[in-house]
């Protein structure tokens, strides 16, 4: 299963992408870049147009595009976390970092979980995250975050679509 599209990120950069083996939530797509660039998260409200192939998307990248006003700013919904009932699981971190992140999550109204289930909203992964938990989360539509993506989400309300230090690929997960 693949999805090709043109996309405008928060900085106004426009590009063409193709996700393979992706999952989706109401607001996001998450999957592996067909070009081998690892797992990425994209906001649906920033997709410009969908295509059948990456080549079609690349051939139709607009030279000028203005994000809709509600997609350009960080997604601050004004609804407190606890009213949205998000849940998070931390995996692959050293004990002290996991405790710090857990305290930060609870302080921001996220409920902590120890495992992956259909009720999980986010899986925050450290460098020692296991491939089974990552793949199970991704297939369940759970958004996978790095530590820096998690911190940015708490600060701005938006999940950055890429973290250069968080680079899981389909090959990593199948190894």
C-alpha atoms as a PDB file:
ATOM      1  CA  UNK A   1       0.000   0.000   0.000  1.00  0.00           C
ATOM      2  CA  UNK A   2       1.489   3.344  -1.107  1.00  0.00           C
ATOM      3  CA  UNK A   3       0.404   6.964  -1.062  1.00  0.00           C
ATOM      4  CA  UNK A   4       2.004   9.678  -3.237  1.00  0.00           C
ATOM      5  CA  UNK A   5       1.353  13.390  -2.742  1.00  0.00           C
ATOM      6  CA  UNK A   6       2.700  16.920  -2.851  1.00  0.00           C
ATOM      7  CA  UNK A   7       3.103  18.538   0.544  1.00  0.00           C
ATOM      8  CA  UNK A   8       3.904  21.910   2.093  1.00  0.00           C
ATOM      9  CA  UNK A   9       5.688  21.768   5.453  1.00  0.00           C
ATOM     10  CA  UNK A  10       5.528  24.322   8.287  1.00  0.00           C
ATOM     11  CA  UNK A  11       8.424  26.311   6.792  1.00  0.00           C
ATOM     12  CA  UNK A  12       6.649  26.610   3.442  1.00  0.00           C
ATOM     13  CA  UNK A  13       8.884  24.099   1.630  1.00  0.00           C
ATOM     14  CA  UNK A  14       7.013  22.149  -1.018  1.00  0.00           C
ATOM     15  CA  UNK A  15       7.969  18.647  -2.079  1.00  0.00           C
ATOM     16  CA  UNK A  16       6.733  15.357  -3.466  1.00  0.00           C
ATOM     17  CA  UNK A  17       6.619  12.260  -1.283  1.00  0.00           C
ATOM     18  CA  UNK A  18       5.601   8.640  -1.494  1.00  0.00           C
ATOM     19  CA  UNK A  19       4.921   6.647   1.635  1.00  0.00           C
ATOM     20  CA  UNK A  20       4.996   2.903   1.588  1.00  0.00           C
ATOM     21  CA  UNK A  21       3.428   0.649   4.194  1.00  0.00           C
ATOM     22  CA  UNK A  22       1.798   3.656   5.867  1.00  0.00           C
ATOM     23  CA  UNK A  23      -0.783   4.055   8.583  1.00  0.00           C
ATOM     24  CA  UNK A  24      -3.051   6.992   9.238  1.00  0.00           C
ATOM     25  CA  UNK A  25      -4.955   8.760  11.951  1.00  0.00           C
ATOM     26  CA  UNK A  26      -7.585  11.436  11.581  1.00  0.00           C
ATOM     27  CA  UNK A  27      -4.894  14.120  11.255  1.00  0.00           C
ATOM     28  CA  UNK A  28      -1.676  12.346  10.132  1.00  0.00           C
ATOM     29  CA  UNK A  29      -0.066   9.860   7.769  1.00  0.00           C
ATOM     30  CA  UNK A  30       2.946   7.936   9.005  1.00  0.00           C
ATOM     31  CA  UNK A  31       4.995   5.501   7.015  1.00  0.00           C
ATOM     32  CA  UNK A  32       8.276   4.782   5.292  1.00  0.00           C
ATOM     33  CA  UNK A  33       9.515   7.047   2.525  1.00  0.00           C
ATOM     34  CA  UNK A  34       9.720   5.053  -0.676  1.00  0.00           C
ATOM     35  CA  UNK A  35      13.098   6.703  -1.299  1.00  0.00           C
ATOM     36  CA  UNK A  36      14.491   4.937   1.778  1.00  0.00           C
ATOM     37  CA  UNK A  37      14.526   8.038   3.977  1.00  0.00           C
ATOM     38  CA  UNK A  38      13.074   6.314   7.014  1.00  0.00           C
ATOM     39  CA  UNK A  39       9.804   6.712   8.845  1.00  0.00           C
ATOM     40  CA  UNK A  40       8.077  10.091   8.478  1.00  0.00           C
ATOM     41  CA  UNK A  41       4.929  11.785   9.764  1.00  0.00           C
ATOM     42  CA  UNK A  42       2.862  14.143   7.597  1.00  0.00           C
ATOM     43  CA  UNK A  43      -0.127  16.284   8.556  1.00  0.00           C
ATOM     44  CA  UNK A  44      -3.109  15.646   6.281  1.00  0.00           C
ATOM     45  CA  UNK A  45      -4.087  19.317   6.248  1.00  0.00           C
ATOM     46  CA  UNK A  46      -0.774  20.146   4.561  1.00  0.00           C
ATOM     47  CA  UNK A  47      -1.170  17.721   1.648  1.00  0.00           C
ATOM     48  CA  UNK A  48      -1.620  19.761  -1.518  1.00  0.00           C
ATOM     49  CA  UNK A  49      -2.646  17.011  -3.922  1.00  0.00           C
ATOM     50  CA  UNK A  50      -2.645  13.188  -4.136  1.00  0.00           C
ATOM     51  CA  UNK A  51      -1.200  11.237  -7.073  1.00  0.00           C
ATOM     52  CA  UNK A  52      -0.952   7.647  -8.267  1.00  0.00           C
ATOM     53  CA  UNK A  53       2.860   7.624  -8.340  1.00  0.00           C
ATOM     54  CA  UNK A  54       5.794   9.576  -6.956  1.00  0.00           C
ATOM     55  CA  UNK A  55       6.806  10.475 -10.524  1.00  0.00           C
ATOM     56  CA  UNK A  56       3.395  12.090 -11.070  1.00  0.00           C
ATOM     57  CA  UNK A  57       3.712  14.000  -7.790  1.00  0.00           C
ATOM     58  CA  UNK A  58       7.230  15.195  -8.674  1.00  0.00           C
ATOM     59  CA  UNK A  59       6.037  16.345 -12.109  1.00  0.00           C
ATOM     60  CA  UNK A  60       3.269  18.398 -10.492  1.00  0.00           C
ATOM     61  CA  UNK A  61       5.032  20.188  -7.631  1.00  0.00           C
ATOM     62  CA  UNK A  62       3.505  23.677  -7.576  1.00  0.00           C
ATOM     63  CA  UNK A  63       5.957  26.557  -7.851  1.00  0.00           C
ATOM     64  CA  UNK A  64       3.872  28.644  -5.490  1.00  0.00           C
ATOM     65  CA  UNK A  65       1.522  27.520  -2.766  1.00  0.00           C
ATOM     66  CA  UNK A  66       0.138  29.255   0.294  1.00  0.00           C
ATOM     67  CA  UNK A  67      -0.821  27.095   3.251  1.00  0.00           C
ATOM     68  CA  UNK A  68      -4.345  27.536   4.514  1.00  0.00           C
ATOM     69  CA  UNK A  69      -4.282  29.831   7.542  1.00  0.00           C
ATOM     70  CA  UNK A  70      -5.171  27.056   9.993  1.00  0.00           C
ATOM     71  CA  UNK A  71      -2.381  24.790   8.669  1.00  0.00           C
ATOM     72  CA  UNK A  72       0.389  27.413   8.679  1.00  0.00           C
ATOM     73  CA  UNK A  73       0.525  28.028  12.421  1.00  0.00           C
ATOM     74  CA  UNK A  74       1.423  25.479  15.075  1.00  0.00           C
ATOM     75  CA  UNK A  75      -1.618  23.422  15.914  1.00  0.00           C
ATOM     76  CA  UNK A  76      -2.698  24.963  19.211  1.00  0.00           C
ATOM     77  CA  UNK A  77      -6.243  23.691  19.531  1.00  0.00           C
ATOM     78  CA  UNK A  78      -6.993  25.291  22.864  1.00  0.00           C
ATOM     79  CA  UNK A  79      -8.340  21.939  24.077  1.00  0.00           C
ATOM     80  CA  UNK A  80      -6.338  20.715  27.081  1.00  0.00           C
ATOM     81  CA  UNK A  81      -4.600  17.347  26.660  1.00  0.00           C
ATOM     82  CA  UNK A  82      -6.691  15.774  29.379  1.00  0.00           C
ATOM     83  CA  UNK A  83      -9.902  16.530  27.457  1.00  0.00           C
ATOM     84  CA  UNK A  84      -8.477  14.779  24.385  1.00  0.00           C
ATOM     85  CA  UNK A  85      -7.412  11.756  26.466  1.00  0.00           C
ATOM     86  CA  UNK A  86      -4.121  11.063  24.682  1.00  0.00           C
ATOM     87  CA  UNK A  87      -1.949   8.204  25.854  1.00  0.00           C
ATOM     88  CA  UNK A  88       1.782   7.699  25.431  1.00  0.00           C
ATOM     89  CA  UNK A  89       4.292   4.898  25.874  1.00  0.00           C
ATOM     90  CA  UNK A  90       8.033   5.490  26.177  1.00  0.00           C
ATOM     91  CA  UNK A  91      10.392   2.788  24.940  1.00  0.00           C
ATOM     92  CA  UNK A  92      14.103   2.437  24.277  1.00  0.00           C
ATOM     93  CA  UNK A  93      15.250   5.044  26.840  1.00  0.00           C
ATOM     94  CA  UNK A  94      17.586   4.800  29.808  1.00  0.00           C
ATOM     95  CA  UNK A  95      15.708   4.665  33.105  1.00  0.00           C
ATOM     96  CA  UNK A  96      16.438   8.261  34.172  1.00  0.00           C
ATOM     97  CA  UNK A  97      15.469   9.781  30.800  1.00  0.00           C
ATOM     98  CA  UNK A  98      12.299   7.672  30.681  1.00  0.00           C
ATOM     99  CA  UNK A  99      11.362   8.896  34.172  1.00  0.00           C
ATOM    100  CA  UNK A 100      11.942  12.526  33.143  1.00  0.00           C
ATOM    101  CA  UNK A 101       9.856  12.128  29.978  1.00  0.00           C
ATOM    102  CA  UNK A 102       7.105  10.320  31.889  1.00  0.00           C
ATOM    103  CA  UNK A 103       6.922  13.159  34.425  1.00  0.00           C
ATOM    104  CA  UNK A 104       6.803  15.686  31.595  1.00  0.00           C
ATOM    105  CA  UNK A 105       4.007  13.748  29.856  1.00  0.00           C
ATOM    106  CA  UNK A 106       1.929  13.406  33.015  1.00  0.00           C
ATOM    107  CA  UNK A 107       2.489  17.075  33.827  1.00  0.00           C
ATOM    108  CA  UNK A 108       0.966  17.894  30.441  1.00  0.00           C
ATOM    109  CA  UNK A 109      -2.054  15.645  30.902  1.00  0.00           C
ATOM    110  CA  UNK A 110      -0.983  12.590  28.884  1.00  0.00           C
ATOM    111  CA  UNK A 111      -1.780   9.176  30.335  1.00  0.00           C
ATOM    112  CA  UNK A 112       1.148   6.758  30.499  1.00  0.00           C
ATOM    113  CA  UNK A 113       0.962   3.253  29.072  1.00  0.00           C
ATOM    114  CA  UNK A 114       3.531   0.475  29.275  1.00  0.00           C
ATOM    115  CA  UNK A 115       2.621  -1.346  26.092  1.00  0.00           C
ATOM    116  CA  UNK A 116       1.156  -0.941  22.642  1.00  0.00           C
ATOM    117  CA  UNK A 117      -2.601  -1.278  22.214  1.00  0.00           C
ATOM    118  CA  UNK A 118      -5.327   0.193  20.046  1.00  0.00           C
ATOM    119  CA  UNK A 119      -5.868   2.853  22.723  1.00  0.00           C
ATOM    120  CA  UNK A 120      -2.321   4.224  22.464  1.00  0.00           C
ATOM    121  CA  UNK A 121      -1.968   7.685  20.880  1.00  0.00           C
ATOM    122  CA  UNK A 122       1.839   8.061  20.785  1.00  0.00           C
ATOM    123  CA  UNK A 123       4.904   5.848  21.046  1.00  0.00           C
ATOM    124  CA  UNK A 124       7.983   7.890  21.963  1.00  0.00           C
ATOM    125  CA  UNK A 125      11.160   6.019  21.021  1.00  0.00           C
ATOM    126  CA  UNK A 126      14.734   6.217  22.187  1.00  0.00           C
ATOM    127  CA  UNK A 127      17.763   4.718  20.488  1.00  0.00           C
ATOM    128  CA  UNK A 128      17.131   1.260  21.974  1.00  0.00           C
ATOM    129  CA  UNK A 129      13.504   0.930  20.858  1.00  0.00           C
ATOM    130  CA  UNK A 130      12.677  -2.554  19.683  1.00  0.00           C
ATOM    131  CA  UNK A 131      11.518  -3.189  16.112  1.00  0.00           C
ATOM    132  CA  UNK A 132       8.529  -5.301  17.180  1.00  0.00           C
ATOM    133  CA  UNK A 133       7.021  -2.528  19.304  1.00  0.00           C
ATOM    134  CA  UNK A 134       7.687   0.032  16.562  1.00  0.00           C
ATOM    135  CA  UNK A 135       6.039  -2.030  13.849  1.00  0.00           C
ATOM    136  CA  UNK A 136       3.082  -3.025  16.035  1.00  0.00           C
ATOM    137  CA  UNK A 137       2.521   0.663  16.881  1.00  0.00           C
ATOM    138  CA  UNK A 138       2.803   1.837  13.306  1.00  0.00           C
ATOM    139  CA  UNK A 139       0.371  -0.785  12.035  1.00  0.00           C
ATOM    140  CA  UNK A 140      -2.097   0.157  14.794  1.00  0.00           C
ATOM    141  CA  UNK A 141      -2.037   3.793  13.631  1.00  0.00           C
ATOM    142  CA  UNK A 142      -0.084   4.993  16.668  1.00  0.00           C
ATOM    143  CA  UNK A 143       2.068   8.040  15.948  1.00  0.00           C
ATOM    144  CA  UNK A 144       5.745   7.275  16.536  1.00  0.00           C
ATOM    145  CA  UNK A 145       7.822  10.136  17.918  1.00  0.00           C
ATOM    146  CA  UNK A 146      11.408  10.792  18.861  1.00  0.00           C
ATOM    147  CA  UNK A 147      12.261  12.544  22.106  1.00  0.00           C
ATOM    148  CA  UNK A 148      12.735  15.863  20.313  1.00  0.00           C
ATOM    149  CA  UNK A 149       9.445  15.469  18.411  1.00  0.00           C
ATOM    150  CA  UNK A 150       7.686  14.747  21.713  1.00  0.00           C
ATOM    151  CA  UNK A 151       9.175  17.834  23.367  1.00  0.00           C
ATOM    152  CA  UNK A 152       8.259  19.998  20.352  1.00  0.00           C
ATOM    153  CA  UNK A 153       4.713  18.622  20.426  1.00  0.00           C
ATOM    154  CA  UNK A 154       4.327  19.642  24.073  1.00  0.00           C
ATOM    155  CA  UNK A 155       5.840  23.071  23.424  1.00  0.00           C
ATOM    156  CA  UNK A 156       4.058  23.996  20.187  1.00  0.00           C
ATOM    157  CA  UNK A 157       1.174  21.552  19.838  1.00  0.00           C
ATOM    158  CA  UNK A 158       2.642  20.357  16.529  1.00  0.00           C
ATOM    159  CA  UNK A 159       4.562  17.205  15.654  1.00  0.00           C
ATOM    160  CA  UNK A 160       7.600  17.971  13.485  1.00  0.00           C
ATOM    161  CA  UNK A 161       7.459  15.692  10.459  1.00  0.00           C
ATOM    162  CA  UNK A 162      11.119  14.658  10.639  1.00  0.00           C
ATOM    163  CA  UNK A 163      13.949  14.305  13.121  1.00  0.00           C
ATOM    164  CA  UNK A 164      17.387  13.676  11.604  1.00  0.00           C
ATOM    165  CA  UNK A 165      18.525  11.738  14.682  1.00  0.00           C
ATOM    166  CA  UNK A 166      15.461   9.459  14.678  1.00  0.00           C
ATOM    167  CA  UNK A 167      16.004   7.324  11.612  1.00  0.00           C
ATOM    168  CA  UNK A 168      14.168   4.029  11.547  1.00  0.00           C
ATOM    169  CA  UNK A 169      13.793   2.471   8.132  1.00  0.00           C
ATOM    170  CA  UNK A 170      11.791  -0.475   6.871  1.00  0.00           C
ATOM    171  CA  UNK A 171      15.073  -2.396   6.732  1.00  0.00           C
ATOM    172  CA  UNK A 172      15.756  -1.599  10.411  1.00  0.00           C
ATOM    173  CA  UNK A 173      12.379  -2.977  11.426  1.00  0.00           C
ATOM    174  CA  UNK A 174      12.717  -6.156   9.387  1.00  0.00           C
ATOM    175  CA  UNK A 175      16.225  -6.909  10.676  1.00  0.00           C
END
